[in-house]
Amino acid sequence: MIEWLEKSGLIPEDKVIMHSCYEARKEKYKDKVWTVKWEPWDLCGSEVVLLEGFNGGFATEYLKKVEG
């Protein structure tokens, strides 16, 4: 992983919601709780994870971990 890349600390099975992005404004994704499927990795300078039920990697900067 690139050293300067800020790490989210997300791990598989964490629950997250999307925020501050195009997808978060879509009705079908609004307030949806997602499950992280894979460890974060670097994709072109952005940290991304796989989310269960979402195609492709998703940037962790637009994800907020749900506690509890």
PDB file of N, CA and C in Angstrom:
ATOM      1  N   MET A   1       0.842  -1.178   0.000  1.00  0.00           N
ATOM      2  CA  MET A   1       0.000   0.000   0.000  1.00  0.00           C
ATOM      3  C   MET A   1       0.885   1.238   0.000  1.00  0.00           C
ATOM      4  N   ILE A   2       0.445   2.286  -0.640  1.00  0.00           N
ATOM      5  CA  ILE A   2       1.220   3.519  -0.704  1.00  0.00           C
ATOM      6  C   ILE A   2       1.308   4.132   0.695  1.00  0.00           C
ATOM      7  N   GLU A   3       2.510   4.511   1.093  1.00  0.00           N
ATOM      8  CA  GLU A   3       2.761   4.986   2.439  1.00  0.00           C
ATOM      9  C   GLU A   3       1.931   6.207   2.822  1.00  0.00           C
ATOM     10  N   TRP A   4       1.738   7.163   1.899  1.00  0.00           N
ATOM     11  CA  TRP A   4       1.027   8.399   2.230  1.00  0.00           C
ATOM     12  C   TRP A   4      -0.481   8.233   2.249  1.00  0.00           C
ATOM     13  N   LEU A   5      -0.965   7.081   1.792  1.00  0.00           N
ATOM     14  CA  LEU A   5      -2.400   6.843   1.736  1.00  0.00           C
ATOM     15  C   LEU A   5      -2.955   6.684   3.151  1.00  0.00           C
ATOM     16  N   GLU A   6      -3.950   7.495   3.487  1.00  0.00           N
ATOM     17  CA  GLU A   6      -4.560   7.397   4.811  1.00  0.00           C
ATOM     18  C   GLU A   6      -5.373   6.107   4.894  1.00  0.00           C
ATOM     19  N   LYS A   7      -5.169   5.364   5.940  1.00  0.00           N
ATOM     20  CA  LYS A   7      -5.855   4.087   6.083  1.00  0.00           C
ATOM     21  C   LYS A   7      -7.144   4.269   6.872  1.00  0.00           C
ATOM     22  N   SER A   8      -8.202   3.622   6.396  1.00  0.00           N
ATOM     23  CA  SER A   8      -9.520   3.753   7.014  1.00  0.00           C
ATOM     24  C   SER A   8      -9.662   2.896   8.264  1.00  0.00           C
ATOM     25  N   GLY A   9      -8.927   1.801   8.318  1.00  0.00           N
ATOM     26  CA  GLY A   9      -9.081   0.875   9.435  1.00  0.00           C
ATOM     27  C   GLY A   9     -10.252  -0.082   9.255  1.00  0.00           C
ATOM     28  N   LEU A  10     -10.917  -0.031   8.096  1.00  0.00           N
ATOM     29  CA  LEU A  10     -12.034  -0.935   7.842  1.00  0.00           C
ATOM     30  C   LEU A  10     -11.530  -2.353   7.618  1.00  0.00           C
ATOM     31  N   ILE A  11     -12.302  -3.303   8.107  1.00  0.00           N
ATOM     32  CA  ILE A  11     -11.969  -4.707   7.933  1.00  0.00           C
ATOM     33  C   ILE A  11     -13.221  -5.452   7.460  1.00  0.00           C
ATOM     34  N   PRO A  12     -13.039  -6.645   6.893  1.00  0.00           N
ATOM     35  CA  PRO A  12     -14.205  -7.424   6.478  1.00  0.00           C
ATOM     36  C   PRO A  12     -15.182  -7.622   7.634  1.00  0.00           C
ATOM     37  N   GLU A  13     -16.460  -7.564   7.307  1.00  0.00           N
ATOM     38  CA  GLU A  13     -17.593  -7.694   8.228  1.00  0.00           C
ATOM     39  C   GLU A  13     -17.971  -6.380   8.912  1.00  0.00           C
ATOM     40  N   ASP A  14     -17.158  -5.315   8.768  1.00  0.00           N
ATOM     41  CA  ASP A  14     -17.571  -4.007   9.284  1.00  0.00           C
ATOM     42  C   ASP A  14     -18.828  -3.563   8.550  1.00  0.00           C
ATOM     43  N   LYS A  15     -19.688  -2.838   9.240  1.00  0.00           N
ATOM     44  CA  LYS A  15     -20.900  -2.268   8.654  1.00  0.00           C
ATOM     45  C   LYS A  15     -20.633  -0.785   8.408  1.00  0.00           C
ATOM     46  N   VAL A  16     -21.007  -0.301   7.215  1.00  0.00           N
ATOM     47  CA  VAL A  16     -20.743   1.079   6.824  1.00  0.00           C
ATOM     48  C   VAL A  16     -21.950   1.666   6.090  1.00  0.00           C
ATOM     49  N   ILE A  17     -21.999   2.995   6.040  1.00  0.00           N
ATOM     50  CA  ILE A  17     -22.959   3.705   5.205  1.00  0.00           C
ATOM     51  C   ILE A  17     -22.172   4.662   4.315  1.00  0.00           C
ATOM     52  N   MET A  18     -22.741   4.986   3.160  1.00  0.00           N
ATOM     53  CA  MET A  18     -22.117   5.928   2.226  1.00  0.00           C
ATOM     54  C   MET A  18     -22.482   7.354   2.641  1.00  0.00           C
ATOM     55  N   HIS A  19     -21.560   8.297   2.405  1.00  0.00           N
ATOM     56  CA  HIS A  19     -21.831   9.709   2.681  1.00  0.00           C
ATOM     57  C   HIS A  19     -21.058  10.578   1.705  1.00  0.00           C
ATOM     58  N   SER A  20     -21.520  11.785   1.482  1.00  0.00           N
ATOM     59  CA  SER A  20     -20.812  12.816   0.703  1.00  0.00           C
ATOM     60  C   SER A  20     -20.407  12.370  -0.696  1.00  0.00           C
ATOM     61  N   CYS A  21     -21.232  11.554  -1.334  1.00  0.00           N
ATOM     62  CA  CYS A  21     -20.916  11.098  -2.682  1.00  0.00           C
ATOM     63  C   CYS A  21     -22.205  10.959  -3.482  1.00  0.00           C
ATOM     64  N   TYR A  22     -22.063  10.795  -4.786  1.00  0.00           N
ATOM     65  CA  TYR A  22     -23.212  10.658  -5.673  1.00  0.00           C
ATOM     66  C   TYR A  22     -24.126   9.511  -5.243  1.00  0.00           C
ATOM     67  N   GLU A  23     -23.540   8.356  -4.940  1.00  0.00           N
ATOM     68  CA  GLU A  23     -24.330   7.185  -4.584  1.00  0.00           C
ATOM     69  C   GLU A  23     -25.149   7.412  -3.318  1.00  0.00           C
ATOM     70  N   ALA A  24     -24.603   8.149  -2.359  1.00  0.00           N
ATOM     71  CA  ALA A  24     -25.304   8.396  -1.091  1.00  0.00           C
ATOM     72  C   ALA A  24     -26.581   9.205  -1.300  1.00  0.00           C
ATOM     73  N   ARG A  25     -26.659   9.960  -2.392  1.00  0.00           N
ATOM     74  CA  ARG A  25     -27.851  10.761  -2.670  1.00  0.00           C
ATOM     75  C   ARG A  25     -28.923   9.972  -3.411  1.00  0.00           C
ATOM     76  N   LYS A  26     -28.575   8.819  -3.940  1.00  0.00           N
ATOM     77  CA  LYS A  26     -29.548   8.001  -4.659  1.00  0.00           C
ATOM     78  C   LYS A  26     -30.504   7.345  -3.658  1.00  0.00           C
ATOM     79  N   GLU A  27     -31.770   7.363  -3.970  1.00  0.00           N
ATOM     80  CA  GLU A  27     -32.780   6.822  -3.053  1.00  0.00           C
ATOM     81  C   GLU A  27     -32.505   5.364  -2.682  1.00  0.00           C
ATOM     82  N   LYS A  28     -32.084   4.559  -3.655  1.00  0.00           N
ATOM     83  CA  LYS A  28     -31.884   3.131  -3.357  1.00  0.00           C
ATOM     84  C   LYS A  28     -30.692   2.857  -2.440  1.00  0.00           C
ATOM     85  N   TYR A  29     -29.756   3.808  -2.320  1.00  0.00           N
ATOM     86  CA  TYR A  29     -28.599   3.631  -1.442  1.00  0.00           C
ATOM     87  C   TYR A  29     -28.683   4.478  -0.175  1.00  0.00           C
ATOM     88  N   LYS A  30     -29.601   5.424  -0.127  1.00  0.00           N
ATOM     89  CA  LYS A  30     -29.710   6.338   1.021  1.00  0.00           C
ATOM     90  C   LYS A  30     -29.968   5.545   2.301  1.00  0.00           C
ATOM     91  N   ASP A  31     -29.120   5.756   3.279  1.00  0.00           N
ATOM     92  CA  ASP A  31     -29.219   5.119   4.599  1.00  0.00           C
ATOM     93  C   ASP A  31     -29.066   3.593   4.565  1.00  0.00           C
ATOM     94  N   LYS A  32     -28.606   3.035   3.459  1.00  0.00           N
ATOM     95  CA  LYS A  32     -28.384   1.583   3.370  1.00  0.00           C
ATOM     96  C   LYS A  32     -27.111   1.220   4.128  1.00  0.00           C
ATOM     97  N   VAL A  33     -27.199   0.195   4.929  1.00  0.00           N
ATOM     98  CA  VAL A  33     -26.031  -0.311   5.648  1.00  0.00           C
ATOM     99  C   VAL A  33     -25.403  -1.416   4.803  1.00  0.00           C
ATOM    100  N   TRP A  34     -24.110  -1.255   4.527  1.00  0.00           N
ATOM    101  CA  TRP A  34     -23.351  -2.189   3.706  1.00  0.00           C
ATOM    102  C   TRP A  34     -22.399  -2.985   4.589  1.00  0.00           C
ATOM    103  N   THR A  35     -22.034  -4.172   4.131  1.00  0.00           N
ATOM    104  CA  THR A  35     -21.035  -4.992   4.817  1.00  0.00           C
ATOM    105  C   THR A  35     -19.766  -5.013   3.972  1.00  0.00           C
ATOM    106  N   VAL A  36     -18.641  -4.697   4.602  1.00  0.00           N
ATOM    107  CA  VAL A  36     -17.339  -4.751   3.924  1.00  0.00           C
ATOM    108  C   VAL A  36     -16.994  -6.220   3.683  1.00  0.00           C
ATOM    109  N   LYS A  37     -16.646  -6.545   2.419  1.00  0.00           N
ATOM    110  CA  LYS A  37     -16.341  -7.928   2.049  1.00  0.00           C
ATOM    111  C   LYS A  37     -14.845  -8.231   1.982  1.00  0.00           C
ATOM    112  N   TRP A  38     -14.008  -7.213   1.809  1.00  0.00           N
ATOM    113  CA  TRP A  38     -12.592  -7.458   1.526  1.00  0.00           C
ATOM    114  C   TRP A  38     -11.746  -6.382   2.181  1.00  0.00           C
ATOM    115  N   GLU A  39     -10.520  -6.733   2.493  1.00  0.00           N
ATOM    116  CA  GLU A  39      -9.569  -5.768   3.063  1.00  0.00           C
ATOM    117  C   GLU A  39      -9.387  -4.577   2.110  1.00  0.00           C
ATOM    118  N   PRO A  40      -9.179  -3.376   2.648  1.00  0.00           N
ATOM    119  CA  PRO A  40      -8.915  -2.219   1.786  1.00  0.00           C
ATOM    120  C   PRO A  40      -7.641  -2.409   0.963  1.00  0.00           C
ATOM    121  N   TRP A  41      -7.640  -1.801  -0.239  1.00  0.00           N
ATOM    122  CA  TRP A  41      -6.440  -1.803  -1.083  1.00  0.00           C
ATOM    123  C   TRP A  41      -6.362  -0.474  -1.822  1.00  0.00           C
ATOM    124  N   ASP A  42      -5.191  -0.203  -2.377  1.00  0.00           N
ATOM    125  CA  ASP A  42      -4.963   1.035  -3.116  1.00  0.00           C
ATOM    126  C   ASP A  42      -5.381   0.853  -4.569  1.00  0.00           C
ATOM    127  N   LEU A  43      -6.182   1.767  -5.080  1.00  0.00           N
ATOM    128  CA  LEU A  43      -6.578   1.775  -6.479  1.00  0.00           C
ATOM    129  C   LEU A  43      -6.359   3.189  -7.004  1.00  0.00           C
ATOM    130  N   CYS A  44      -5.284   3.372  -7.753  1.00  0.00           N
ATOM    131  CA  CYS A  44      -4.953   4.678  -8.348  1.00  0.00           C
ATOM    132  C   CYS A  44      -4.885   5.794  -7.303  1.00  0.00           C
ATOM    133  N   GLY A  45      -4.317   5.492  -6.143  1.00  0.00           N
ATOM    134  CA  GLY A  45      -4.127   6.503  -5.110  1.00  0.00           C
ATOM    135  C   GLY A  45      -5.288   6.671  -4.150  1.00  0.00           C
ATOM    136  N   SER A  46      -6.338   5.880  -4.303  1.00  0.00           N
ATOM    137  CA  SER A  46      -7.475   5.913  -3.381  1.00  0.00           C
ATOM    138  C   SER A  46      -7.600   4.567  -2.688  1.00  0.00           C
ATOM    139  N   GLU A  47      -7.922   4.611  -1.408  1.00  0.00           N
ATOM    140  CA  GLU A  47      -8.164   3.372  -0.686  1.00  0.00           C
ATOM    141  C   GLU A  47      -9.602   2.940  -0.985  1.00  0.00           C
ATOM    142  N   VAL A  48      -9.779   1.696  -1.395  1.00  0.00           N
ATOM    143  CA  VAL A  48     -11.100   1.175  -1.737  1.00  0.00           C
ATOM    144  C   VAL A  48     -11.332  -0.167  -1.046  1.00  0.00           C
ATOM    145  N   VAL A  49     -12.616  -0.521  -0.908  1.00  0.00           N
ATOM    146  CA  VAL A  49     -13.013  -1.826  -0.374  1.00  0.00           C
ATOM    147  C   VAL A  49     -14.118  -2.393  -1.252  1.00  0.00           C
ATOM    148  N   LEU A  50     -14.337  -3.682  -1.130  1.00  0.00           N
ATOM    149  CA  LEU A  50     -15.497  -4.298  -1.756  1.00  0.00           C
ATOM    150  C   LEU A  50     -16.630  -4.300  -0.746  1.00  0.00           C
ATOM    151  N   LEU A  51     -17.820  -3.942  -1.217  1.00  0.00           N
ATOM    152  CA  LEU A  51     -19.007  -3.964  -0.381  1.00  0.00           C
ATOM    153  C   LEU A  51     -19.936  -5.068  -0.875  1.00  0.00           C
ATOM    154  N   GLU A  52     -20.507  -5.798   0.057  1.00  0.00           N
ATOM    155  CA  GLU A  52     -21.432  -6.866  -0.301  1.00  0.00           C
ATOM    156  C   GLU A  52     -22.641  -6.268  -1.030  1.00  0.00           C
ATOM    157  N   GLY A  53     -22.900  -6.743  -2.246  1.00  0.00           N
ATOM    158  CA  GLY A  53     -24.035  -6.276  -3.022  1.00  0.00           C
ATOM    159  C   GLY A  53     -23.760  -5.067  -3.893  1.00  0.00           C
ATOM    160  N   PHE A  54     -22.515  -4.580  -3.921  1.00  0.00           N
ATOM    161  CA  PHE A  54     -22.141  -3.436  -4.751  1.00  0.00           C
ATOM    162  C   PHE A  54     -21.046  -3.889  -5.708  1.00  0.00           C
ATOM    163  N   ASN A  55     -21.196  -3.585  -6.979  1.00  0.00           N
ATOM    164  CA  ASN A  55     -20.203  -3.995  -7.972  1.00  0.00           C
ATOM    165  C   ASN A  55     -19.002  -3.068  -7.969  1.00  0.00           C
ATOM    166  N   GLY A  56     -17.815  -3.635  -7.889  1.00  0.00           N
ATOM    167  CA  GLY A  56     -16.580  -2.860  -7.938  1.00  0.00           C
ATOM    168  C   GLY A  56     -16.155  -2.347  -6.578  1.00  0.00           C
ATOM    169  N   GLY A  57     -14.967  -1.762  -6.561  1.00  0.00           N
ATOM    170  CA  GLY A  57     -14.439  -1.187  -5.335  1.00  0.00           C
ATOM    171  C   GLY A  57     -15.103   0.150  -5.037  1.00  0.00           C
ATOM    172  N   PHE A  58     -15.166   0.509  -3.762  1.00  0.00           N
ATOM    173  CA  PHE A  58     -15.765   1.774  -3.347  1.00  0.00           C
ATOM    174  C   PHE A  58     -14.781   2.510  -2.453  1.00  0.00           C
ATOM    175  N   ALA A  59     -14.569   3.795  -2.731  1.00  0.00           N
ATOM    176  CA  ALA A  59     -13.586   4.592  -1.984  1.00  0.00           C
ATOM    177  C   ALA A  59     -13.990   4.724  -0.514  1.00  0.00           C
ATOM    178  N   THR A  60     -13.054   4.394   0.370  1.00  0.00           N
ATOM    179  CA  THR A  60     -13.337   4.420   1.805  1.00  0.00           C
ATOM    180  C   THR A  60     -13.566   5.830   2.331  1.00  0.00           C
ATOM    181  N   GLU A  61     -13.083   6.846   1.624  1.00  0.00           N
ATOM    182  CA  GLU A  61     -13.288   8.222   2.088  1.00  0.00           C
ATOM    183  C   GLU A  61     -14.762   8.601   2.098  1.00  0.00           C
ATOM    184  N   TYR A  62     -15.598   7.848   1.386  1.00  0.00           N
ATOM    185  CA  TYR A  62     -17.040   8.106   1.335  1.00  0.00           C
ATOM    186  C   TYR A  62     -17.835   7.101   2.155  1.00  0.00           C
ATOM    187  N   LEU A  63     -17.166   6.401   3.045  1.00  0.00           N
ATOM    188  CA  LEU A  63     -17.829   5.424   3.904  1.00  0.00           C
ATOM    189  C   LEU A  63     -17.656   5.807   5.367  1.00  0.00           C
ATOM    190  N   LYS A  64     -18.705   5.613   6.125  1.00  0.00           N
ATOM    191  CA  LYS A  64     -18.654   5.856   7.569  1.00  0.00           C
ATOM    192  C   LYS A  64     -19.042   4.563   8.277  1.00  0.00           C
ATOM    193  N   LYS A  65     -18.194   4.143   9.207  1.00  0.00           N
ATOM    194  CA  LYS A  65     -18.450   2.910   9.938  1.00  0.00           C
ATOM    195  C   LYS A  65     -19.644   3.099  10.863  1.00  0.00           C
ATOM    196  N   VAL A  66     -20.519   2.099  10.890  1.00  0.00           N
ATOM    197  CA  VAL A  66     -21.697   2.104  11.765  1.00  0.00           C
ATOM    198  C   VAL A  66     -21.324   1.339  13.020  1.00  0.00           C
ATOM    199  N   GLU A  67     -21.431   1.976  14.156  1.00  0.00           N
ATOM    200  CA  GLU A  67     -21.107   1.335  15.419  1.00  0.00           C
ATOM    201  C   GLU A  67     -22.330   0.603  15.960  1.00  0.00           C
ATOM    202  N   GLY A  68     -22.061  -0.517  16.590  1.00  0.00           N
ATOM    203  CA  GLY A  68     -23.125  -1.261  17.271  1.00  0.00           C
ATOM    204  C   GLY A  68     -23.794  -2.154  16.390  1.00  0.00           C
TER     205      GLY A  68
END
